[in-house]
Protein backbone atom coordinates (compact mmCIF):
# COMPACT_ATOMS: atom_id res chain seq x y z
CA UNK A 1 2.84 20.40 8.75
CA UNK A 2 2.32 20.70 5.00
CA UNK A 3 2.45 17.75 2.63
CA UNK A 4 5.41 18.05 0.27
CA UNK A 5 6.24 14.65 -1.25
CA UNK A 6 9.76 13.92 -2.46
CA UNK A 7 9.88 12.69 -6.06
CA UNK A 8 11.90 9.51 -6.46
CA UNK A 9 12.33 10.06 -10.19
CA UNK A 10 13.65 13.60 -9.80
CA UNK A 11 15.95 12.49 -6.99
CA UNK A 12 17.45 9.60 -8.96
CA UNK A 13 17.95 11.87 -11.97
CA UNK A 14 19.80 14.35 -9.73
CA UNK A 15 21.99 11.58 -8.32
CA UNK A 16 22.85 10.25 -11.77
CA UNK A 17 23.62 13.75 -13.09
CA UNK A 18 25.85 14.56 -10.12
CA UNK A 19 23.63 17.41 -8.96
CA UNK A 20 23.47 15.85 -5.50
CA UNK A 21 25.15 13.08 -3.52
CA UNK A 22 23.97 10.20 -1.39
CA UNK A 23 25.35 11.98 1.66
CA UNK A 24 23.35 15.12 0.89
CA UNK A 25 20.21 13.04 0.29
CA UNK A 26 20.51 11.32 3.65
CA UNK A 27 21.18 14.66 5.36
CA UNK A 28 17.97 15.99 3.83
CA UNK A 29 16.12 12.90 5.09
CA UNK A 30 17.39 13.44 8.64
CA UNK A 31 16.58 17.16 8.53
CA UNK A 32 13.06 16.54 7.25
CA UNK A 33 12.38 13.94 9.94
CA UNK A 34 13.72 16.25 12.64
CA UNK A 35 11.50 19.05 11.33
CA UNK A 36 8.25 17.14 10.87
CA UNK A 37 8.22 13.94 12.88
CA UNK A 38 7.59 15.40 16.35
CA UNK A 39 4.10 16.18 15.04
CA UNK A 40 3.79 13.45 12.39
CA UNK A 41 5.13 10.46 14.39
CA UNK A 42 5.74 8.26 11.38
CA UNK A 43 8.89 6.52 12.70
CA UNK A 44 9.66 4.12 15.52
CA UNK A 45 13.40 3.82 14.81
CA UNK A 46 15.96 5.37 12.48
CA UNK A 47 18.91 3.57 10.90
CA UNK A 48 22.44 4.91 10.61
CA UNK A 49 23.27 6.59 7.29
CA UNK A 50 25.05 4.24 4.86
CA UNK A 51 28.84 4.57 4.61
CA UNK A 52 28.55 4.33 0.81
CA UNK A 53 25.71 4.34 -1.71
CA UNK A 54 26.16 0.67 -2.63
CA UNK A 55 25.06 -0.95 -5.89
CA UNK A 56 21.69 -0.61 -7.55
CA UNK A 57 20.02 1.82 -9.95
CA UNK A 58 18.31 3.85 -7.21
CA UNK A 59 21.68 5.07 -5.98
CA UNK A 60 21.35 4.62 -2.21
CA UNK A 61 18.10 6.53 -1.59
CA UNK A 62 16.53 6.30 1.91
CA UNK A 63 13.74 3.72 2.22
CA UNK A 64 11.11 3.57 4.95
CA UNK A 65 10.35 0.05 6.16
CA UNK A 66 7.11 -0.88 7.93
CA UNK A 67 7.76 -2.26 11.39
CA UNK A 68 6.56 -5.77 10.68
CA UNK A 69 9.42 -6.26 8.18
CA UNK A 70 12.84 -7.27 9.48
CA UNK A 71 15.82 -4.97 8.98
CA UNK A 72 19.13 -6.28 10.25
CA UNK A 73 20.18 -4.48 13.42
CA UNK A 74 16.73 -3.04 14.22
CA UNK A 75 13.99 -4.65 16.34
CA UNK A 76 10.67 -5.61 14.75
CA UNK A 77 8.07 -4.61 17.34
CA UNK A 78 4.97 -4.79 15.09
CA UNK A 79 3.34 -1.84 16.85
CA UNK A 80 2.59 -4.18 19.74
CA UNK A 81 3.16 -3.92 23.48
CA UNK A 82 3.85 -7.66 23.59
CA UNK A 83 6.84 -7.07 21.28
CA UNK A 84 8.22 -4.06 23.14
CA UNK A 85 11.34 -5.99 24.22
CA UNK A 86 12.06 -7.50 20.79
CA UNK A 87 15.74 -7.99 20.03
CA UNK A 88 17.30 -6.53 16.87
CA UNK A 89 16.74 -8.66 13.77
CA UNK A 90 19.74 -10.73 12.77
CA UNK A 91 19.07 -10.45 9.05
CA UNK A 92 17.03 -8.47 6.54
CA UNK A 93 13.70 -9.77 5.32
CA UNK A 94 13.95 -11.14 1.79
CA UNK A 95 12.09 -8.12 0.40
CA UNK A 96 14.48 -5.71 2.13
CA UNK A 97 17.44 -7.55 0.59
CA UNK A 98 15.79 -7.18 -2.81
CA UNK A 99 15.32 -3.43 -2.34
CA UNK A 100 18.91 -3.05 -1.11
CA UNK A 101 20.08 -4.67 -4.34
CA UNK A 102 17.97 -2.11 -6.23
CA UNK A 103 19.74 0.74 -4.41
CA UNK A 104 17.09 1.59 -1.80
CA UNK A 105 18.64 1.46 1.67
CA UNK A 106 16.60 1.14 4.90
CA UNK A 107 16.34 4.49 6.67
CA UNK A 108 14.47 3.05 9.65
CA UNK A 109 11.21 1.46 10.76
CA UNK A 110 7.86 3.17 10.19
CA UNK A 111 4.79 2.95 12.39
CA UNK A 112 2.35 0.10 11.85
CA UNK A 113 -0.94 -0.64 13.52
CA UNK A 114 -0.66 -3.51 16.02
CA UNK A 115 0.39 -6.61 14.05
CA UNK A 116 -0.83 -4.83 10.91
CA UNK A 117 -4.48 -5.05 11.98
CA UNK A 118 -6.79 -2.28 13.25
CA UNK A 119 -5.44 -0.88 16.55
CA UNK A 120 -3.90 2.42 15.36
CA UNK A 121 -0.54 3.94 16.13
CA UNK A 122 0.09 7.64 16.76
CA UNK A 123 0.79 8.72 13.17
CA UNK A 124 -0.91 11.83 11.77
CA UNK A 125 -1.98 12.46 8.18
CA UNK A 126 0.19 15.21 6.63
CA UNK A 127 -2.23 15.69 3.74
CA UNK A 128 -5.34 15.88 5.93
CA UNK A 129 -4.52 17.14 9.44
CA UNK A 130 -6.93 15.84 12.05
CA UNK A 131 -7.84 12.85 9.87
CA UNK A 132 -6.53 9.28 9.98
CA UNK A 133 -3.61 8.39 7.72
CA UNK A 134 -5.19 4.95 7.31
CA UNK A 135 -3.58 1.69 8.21
CA UNK A 136 -1.92 -0.55 8.72
CA UNK A 137 0.98 0.99 6.75
CA UNK A 138 0.34 4.33 8.43
CA UNK A 139 3.90 5.47 8.97
CA UNK A 140 5.07 4.56 5.48
CA UNK A 141 2.27 6.52 3.79
CA UNK A 142 2.74 9.53 6.03
CA UNK A 143 6.53 9.49 5.61
CA UNK A 144 6.17 9.63 1.82
CA UNK A 145 3.34 12.18 1.84
CA UNK A 146 5.34 14.54 4.07
CA UNK A 147 8.50 14.30 1.98
CA UNK A 148 10.55 12.51 4.62
CA UNK A 149 11.45 9.72 2.18
CA UNK A 150 10.75 9.15 -1.52
CA UNK A 151 9.88 5.48 -1.07
CA UNK A 152 8.54 3.29 1.74
CA UNK A 153 7.53 -0.33 2.17
CA UNK A 154 4.19 -1.58 3.41
CA UNK A 155 2.25 -4.80 3.47
CA UNK A 156 -1.36 -5.63 2.71
CA UNK A 157 -3.66 -8.35 4.03
CA UNK A 158 -6.91 -6.42 3.56
CA UNK A 159 -6.42 -2.74 2.63
CA UNK A 160 -3.25 -1.81 4.50
CA UNK A 161 -1.39 -0.12 1.62
CA UNK A 162 -4.16 1.01 -0.72
CA UNK A 163 -6.15 2.85 1.95
CA UNK A 164 -3.27 4.82 3.52
CA UNK A 165 -2.04 5.86 0.09
CA UNK A 166 -5.52 7.10 -0.85
CA UNK A 167 -5.99 8.96 2.42
CA UNK A 168 -2.54 10.59 2.28
CA UNK A 169 -2.68 11.52 -1.41
CA UNK A 170 0.19 9.37 -2.66
CA UNK A 171 0.64 6.36 -4.95
CA UNK A 172 1.02 2.72 -4.02
CA UNK A 173 1.59 -0.69 -5.52
CA UNK A 174 0.35 -3.87 -3.88
CA UNK A 175 2.15 -6.77 -5.51
CA UNK A 176 0.55 -10.01 -6.60
CA UNK A 177 0.36 -12.56 -3.80
CA UNK A 178 3.61 -14.53 -3.79
CA UNK A 179 5.42 -12.13 -6.13
CA UNK A 180 8.30 -11.91 -3.63
CA UNK A 181 8.99 -14.12 -0.61
CA UNK A 182 7.57 -13.04 2.76
CA UNK A 183 10.45 -14.51 4.78
CA UNK A 184 11.29 -12.06 7.58
CA UNK A 185 7.82 -10.48 7.61
CA UNK A 186 5.50 -10.90 10.60
CA UNK A 187 2.27 -11.75 8.85
CA UNK A 188 -1.37 -12.41 9.62
CA UNK A 189 -2.71 -14.58 6.83
CA UNK A 190 -0.44 -16.63 4.54
CA UNK A 191 -2.88 -16.75 1.63
CA UNK A 192 -3.51 -12.99 1.77
CA UNK A 193 -0.31 -11.25 2.94
CA UNK A 194 1.36 -9.32 0.12
CA UNK A 195 4.15 -6.78 -0.24
CA UNK A 196 3.49 -3.14 -1.02
CA UNK A 197 5.43 0.01 -1.78
CA UNK A 198 4.42 3.67 -1.53
CA UNK A 199 5.79 6.62 -3.53
CA UNK A 200 4.87 10.17 -4.47
CA UNK A 201 3.44 9.22 -7.86
CA UNK A 202 2.76 6.31 -10.19
CA UNK A 203 5.66 7.55 -12.30
CA UNK A 204 7.88 7.01 -9.25
CA UNK A 205 6.42 3.53 -8.74
CA UNK A 206 7.34 2.70 -12.34
CA UNK A 207 10.95 3.66 -11.72
CA UNK A 208 11.06 1.77 -8.42
CA UNK A 209 9.53 -1.38 -9.94
CA UNK A 210 12.00 -1.26 -12.82
CA UNK A 211 14.90 -0.98 -10.37
CA UNK A 212 13.56 -3.84 -8.23
CA UNK A 213 12.77 -6.29 -11.03
CA UNK A 214 14.64 -5.21 -14.15
CA UNK A 215 11.31 -4.68 -15.93
CA UNK A 216 10.92 -1.79 -18.37
CA UNK A 217 10.24 1.62 -16.85
CA UNK A 218 6.76 2.40 -18.18
CA UNK A 219 6.26 5.62 -16.26
CA UNK A 220 5.91 7.80 -19.35
CA UNK A 221 4.85 5.38 -22.07
CA UNK A 222 1.74 3.61 -23.27
CA UNK A 223 -1.55 4.41 -24.89
CA UNK A 224 -5.15 4.48 -23.69
CA UNK A 225 -6.09 1.33 -21.74
CA UNK A 226 -9.21 -0.79 -21.93
CA UNK A 227 -10.91 -0.31 -18.56
CA UNK A 228 -13.69 -2.05 -16.67
CA UNK A 229 -15.37 0.35 -14.24
CA UNK A 230 -16.14 -1.22 -10.86
CA UNK A 231 -18.58 0.97 -8.89
CA UNK A 232 -18.92 -1.34 -5.83
CA UNK A 233 -22.64 -0.56 -5.64
CA UNK A 234 -23.69 -3.83 -3.94
CA UNK A 235 -21.37 -3.02 -1.03
CA UNK A 236 -23.19 0.28 -0.40
CA UNK A 237 -20.15 2.00 1.13
CA UNK A 238 -18.96 4.49 -1.49
CA UNK A 239 -19.57 8.07 -0.33
CA UNK A 240 -20.84 10.85 -2.58
CA UNK A 241 -17.50 12.73 -2.86
CA UNK A 242 -15.85 9.56 -4.13
CA UNK A 243 -18.72 8.79 -6.50
CA UNK A 244 -18.54 12.28 -7.98
CA UNK A 245 -14.74 12.19 -8.32
CA UNK A 246 -14.80 8.76 -9.92
CA UNK A 247 -17.48 9.83 -12.42
CA UNK A 248 -15.47 12.92 -13.36
CA UNK A 249 -12.33 10.81 -13.71
CA UNK A 250 -14.09 8.39 -16.04
CA UNK A 251 -15.24 11.22 -18.29
CA UNK A 252 -11.72 12.60 -18.42
CA UNK A 253 -10.26 9.20 -19.30
CA UNK A 254 -12.86 8.58 -22.00
CA UNK A 255 -12.12 11.98 -23.50
CA UNK A 256 -8.42 11.06 -23.57
CA UNK A 257 -9.19 7.90 -25.53
CA UNK A 258 -9.64 5.15 -22.97
CA UNK A 259 -12.30 2.50 -23.43
CA UNK A 260 -14.39 2.35 -20.24
CA UNK A 261 -17.04 -0.35 -19.91
CA UNK A 262 -19.10 -1.45 -16.91
CA UNK A 263 -17.69 -4.25 -14.76
CA UNK A 264 -20.25 -7.07 -15.13
CA UNK A 265 -19.62 -9.09 -11.96
CA UNK A 266 -20.41 -6.69 -9.12
CA UNK A 267 -22.31 -9.30 -7.10
CA UNK A 268 -19.49 -11.80 -7.35
CA UNK A 269 -16.99 -9.25 -6.07
CA UNK A 270 -19.34 -8.51 -3.17
CA UNK A 271 -19.41 -12.25 -2.39
CA UNK A 272 -15.62 -12.41 -2.41
CA UNK A 273 -15.52 -9.30 -0.21
CA UNK A 274 -17.63 -11.15 2.38
CA UNK A 275 -15.48 -14.28 2.10
CA UNK A 276 -12.22 -12.40 2.74
CA UNK A 277 -12.70 -11.79 6.51
CA UNK A 278 -13.50 -15.48 7.04
CA UNK A 279 -10.26 -16.54 5.37
CA UNK A 280 -8.29 -13.84 7.16
CA UNK A 281 -9.59 -14.64 10.65
CA UNK A 282 -9.14 -18.40 10.27
CA UNK A 283 -5.55 -18.06 9.10
CA UNK A 284 -4.67 -15.29 11.56
CA UNK A 285 -5.73 -17.40 14.55
CA UNK A 286 -3.18 -20.00 13.48
CA UNK A 287 -0.45 -17.66 12.24
CA UNK A 288 -0.62 -15.59 15.44
CA UNK A 289 -1.35 -18.43 17.86
CA UNK A 290 1.21 -17.08 20.34
CA UNK A 291 -0.69 -13.79 20.51
CA UNK A 292 -4.02 -15.60 20.81
CA UNK A 293 -2.62 -17.33 23.88
CA UNK A 294 -1.91 -13.85 25.31
CA UNK A 295 -5.22 -12.30 24.22
CA UNK A 296 -5.49 -10.29 27.41
CA UNK A 297 -2.30 -8.41 26.49
CA UNK A 298 -3.26 -7.34 22.98
CA UNK A 299 -5.86 -4.90 21.66
CA UNK A 300 -9.54 -5.72 21.69
CA UNK A 301 -9.59 -5.52 17.89
CA UNK A 302 -6.83 -8.08 17.41
CA UNK A 303 -8.14 -10.34 20.18
CA UNK A 304 -11.57 -10.40 18.52
CA UNK A 305 -10.04 -11.29 15.14
CA UNK A 306 -8.04 -14.16 16.61
CA UNK A 307 -10.89 -15.51 18.71
CA UNK A 308 -13.23 -15.30 15.74
CA UNK A 309 -10.76 -17.20 13.60
CA UNK A 310 -10.20 -19.79 16.30
CA UNK A 311 -13.96 -20.42 16.39
CA UNK A 312 -14.29 -20.61 12.59
CA UNK A 313 -14.74 -24.15 11.32
CA UNK A 314 -12.63 -25.71 8.59
CA UNK A 315 -15.85 -26.19 6.63
CA UNK A 316 -16.59 -22.46 6.68
CA UNK A 317 -12.98 -21.63 5.79
CA UNK A 318 -13.04 -23.96 2.80
CA UNK A 319 -16.41 -22.60 1.66
CA UNK A 320 -15.05 -19.03 1.77
CA UNK A 321 -11.92 -20.13 -0.08
CA UNK A 322 -14.07 -21.67 -2.82
CA UNK A 323 -15.89 -18.36 -3.28
CA UNK A 324 -12.52 -16.66 -3.68
CA UNK A 325 -11.42 -19.26 -6.24
CA UNK A 326 -14.53 -18.65 -8.35
CA UNK A 327 -13.93 -14.91 -8.19
CA UNK A 328 -10.31 -15.28 -9.20
CA UNK A 329 -11.20 -17.42 -12.22
CA UNK A 330 -13.96 -15.05 -13.32
CA UNK A 331 -11.86 -11.90 -13.02
CA UNK A 332 -8.95 -13.55 -14.84
CA UNK A 333 -11.31 -14.30 -17.71
CA UNK A 334 -12.56 -10.69 -17.80
CA UNK A 335 -9.01 -9.31 -17.75
CA UNK A 336 -8.13 -11.38 -20.80
CA UNK A 337 -10.22 -8.86 -22.78
CA UNK A 338 -9.45 -5.71 -20.77
CA UNK A 339 -6.28 -4.18 -19.36
CA UNK A 340 -7.41 -3.07 -15.90
CA UNK A 341 -10.31 -2.66 -13.52
CA UNK A 342 -10.84 0.87 -12.18
CA UNK A 343 -12.64 1.60 -8.92
CA UNK A 344 -12.57 3.61 -5.70
CA UNK A 345 -9.57 2.95 -3.46
CA UNK A 346 -11.50 3.84 -0.29
CA UNK A 347 -15.13 4.75 0.46
CA UNK A 348 -14.27 8.44 0.64
CA UNK A 349 -11.71 10.82 2.11
CA UNK A 350 -9.89 9.98 5.33
CA UNK A 351 -12.27 9.90 8.31
CA UNK A 352 -11.70 12.47 11.02
CA UNK A 353 -9.73 11.43 14.12
CA UNK A 354 -6.85 9.09 14.88
CA UNK A 355 -8.70 6.44 16.90
CA UNK A 356 -9.49 4.28 13.84
CA UNK A 357 -7.95 3.74 10.40
CA UNK A 358 -10.96 3.61 8.07
CA UNK A 359 -12.63 0.74 6.26
CA UNK A 360 -10.64 -1.67 4.01
CA UNK A 361 -13.79 -3.08 2.41
CA UNK A 362 -12.94 -1.90 -1.12
CA UNK A 363 -9.65 -3.81 -1.12
CA UNK A 364 -10.81 -7.09 0.41
CA UNK A 365 -11.93 -8.88 -2.76
CA UNK A 366 -8.86 -7.99 -4.84
CA UNK A 367 -6.57 -8.97 -1.97
CA UNK A 368 -8.37 -12.29 -1.55
CA UNK A 369 -7.81 -12.97 -5.26
CA UNK A 370 -4.11 -12.14 -4.94
CA UNK A 371 -4.20 -9.48 -7.65
CA UNK A 372 -1.85 -6.50 -7.98
CA UNK A 373 -3.32 -3.04 -7.43
CA UNK A 374 -2.09 0.50 -7.93
CA UNK A 375 -3.50 3.50 -6.08
CA UNK A 376 -3.53 6.58 -8.29
CA UNK A 377 -3.53 9.93 -6.44
CA UNK A 378 -4.50 13.37 -7.66
CA UNK A 379 -8.23 13.70 -6.93
CA UNK A 380 -9.76 15.59 -3.99
CA UNK A 381 -13.12 16.37 -2.44
CA UNK A 382 -14.58 19.88 -2.14
CA UNK A 383 -12.56 20.47 1.04
CA UNK A 384 -9.26 19.48 -0.56
CA UNK A 385 -9.03 16.09 1.15
CA UNK A 386 -7.28 13.50 -1.01
CA UNK A 387 -9.27 10.87 -2.88
CA UNK A 388 -7.57 7.92 -4.55
CA UNK A 389 -8.72 5.50 -7.21
CA UNK A 390 -7.31 2.02 -7.64
CA UNK A 391 -6.48 0.01 -10.72
CA UNK A 392 -6.49 -3.77 -10.53
CA UNK A 393 -4.59 -5.92 -13.00
CA UNK A 394 -4.07 -9.61 -13.72
CA UNK A 395 -1.89 -11.70 -11.43
CA UNK A 396 1.84 -11.16 -11.97
CA UNK A 397 0.96 -8.29 -14.32
CA UNK A 398 2.56 -5.50 -12.29
CA UNK A 399 4.66 -4.01 -15.07
CA UNK A 400 1.78 -3.44 -17.48
CA UNK A 401 -0.54 -2.42 -14.62
CA UNK A 402 1.90 0.31 -13.56
CA UNK A 403 2.18 1.50 -17.15
CA UNK A 404 -1.60 1.78 -17.48
CA UNK A 405 -1.80 3.50 -14.09
CA UNK A 406 0.83 6.02 -15.19
CA UNK A 407 -1.31 6.83 -18.23
CA UNK A 408 -4.34 7.29 -15.97
CA UNK A 409 -2.34 9.50 -13.62
CA UNK A 410 -1.18 11.75 -16.46
CA UNK A 411 -4.73 12.27 -17.68
CA UNK A 412 -6.22 12.81 -14.23
CA UNK A 413 -3.61 15.31 -13.08
CA UNK A 414 -2.60 16.83 -16.43
CA UNK A 415 1.05 15.86 -15.98
CA UNK A 416 3.43 13.35 -14.51
CA UNK A 417 3.38 14.07 -10.78
CA UNK A 418 6.85 14.78 -9.41
């Protein structure tokens, strides 16, 4: 099961030039799923092909949708036994409607960990066989990395988009908190839950974001960015292969003209990282109160989260939230003088085995602050396992962030990935 991602940009260019049709694209999607998914197990349900491409600049391309996000006519089971008898959704989630208008049509529901937390599904990693694909957006990352679809939706409360993209060797965007409504999404933590999207490359993300929002397509433009390098040293989790890859990447970016200075608030980010799980647990116990009442029917991981949150005092929740607020203000001030923060997207390559999804620790602080992040693929360890770096930008600054990330991608890989 080799990884062969499907370039969104090349596909849309072929559709616009008449070199292929929407019908042929959907036939390829079905064929690729039939060929690879018995081993990959990225999907829980497939949608019927569209009768017509519909409006939108993406031309009717097939879109994977994480199975916590409603798609009209398909059940939302959230990777959970307690939702096994869920009825089909009556309407699309707001974010699905937005992607439909952009010309990306739901191809089906992709595997999620249980309620987008830690209990893994069955999905394999096409870029690192025998290793976790990450989570919770496991199926979406694997579906893109294996070339089943050119684009797939995820969600992030801790590291649920960034980590799978890094482990599977693809690109991802986590949007600023509140950038699009979360109506129709089964969430965990209202102050943390954010939308995400996964594609083959940052160049593809630029095209997708332009189609979704009408923003300029910055996939091949822009000059050297001003970068703050975040090493995450106080967290003591970054493994040697990631350290070495990040150091080599920084040298390459400096040689290409980027300004790279040291991030000066490492301890503060570590404090926000520790505050994130307090906020998440407290809110999850209330958001998922129905599941807390059925704790004996859910995974041990989710039950522990909900029970921990239920036992967390309002005083502790507010104290953690204040730490996050200080971090958000400080980082906003730093990003007024720099374009992006660069750091590791995960501690190292994907861990071996499918019984866990890896550690989201390197995403927690940025998610708590509600900032947009882009995972840039293209690096690898000595064994060829993918390593991803992440760029963090100012709130609501997705367009420029993607443009800077595209520049970084070009200079890390030597070309626009397609």
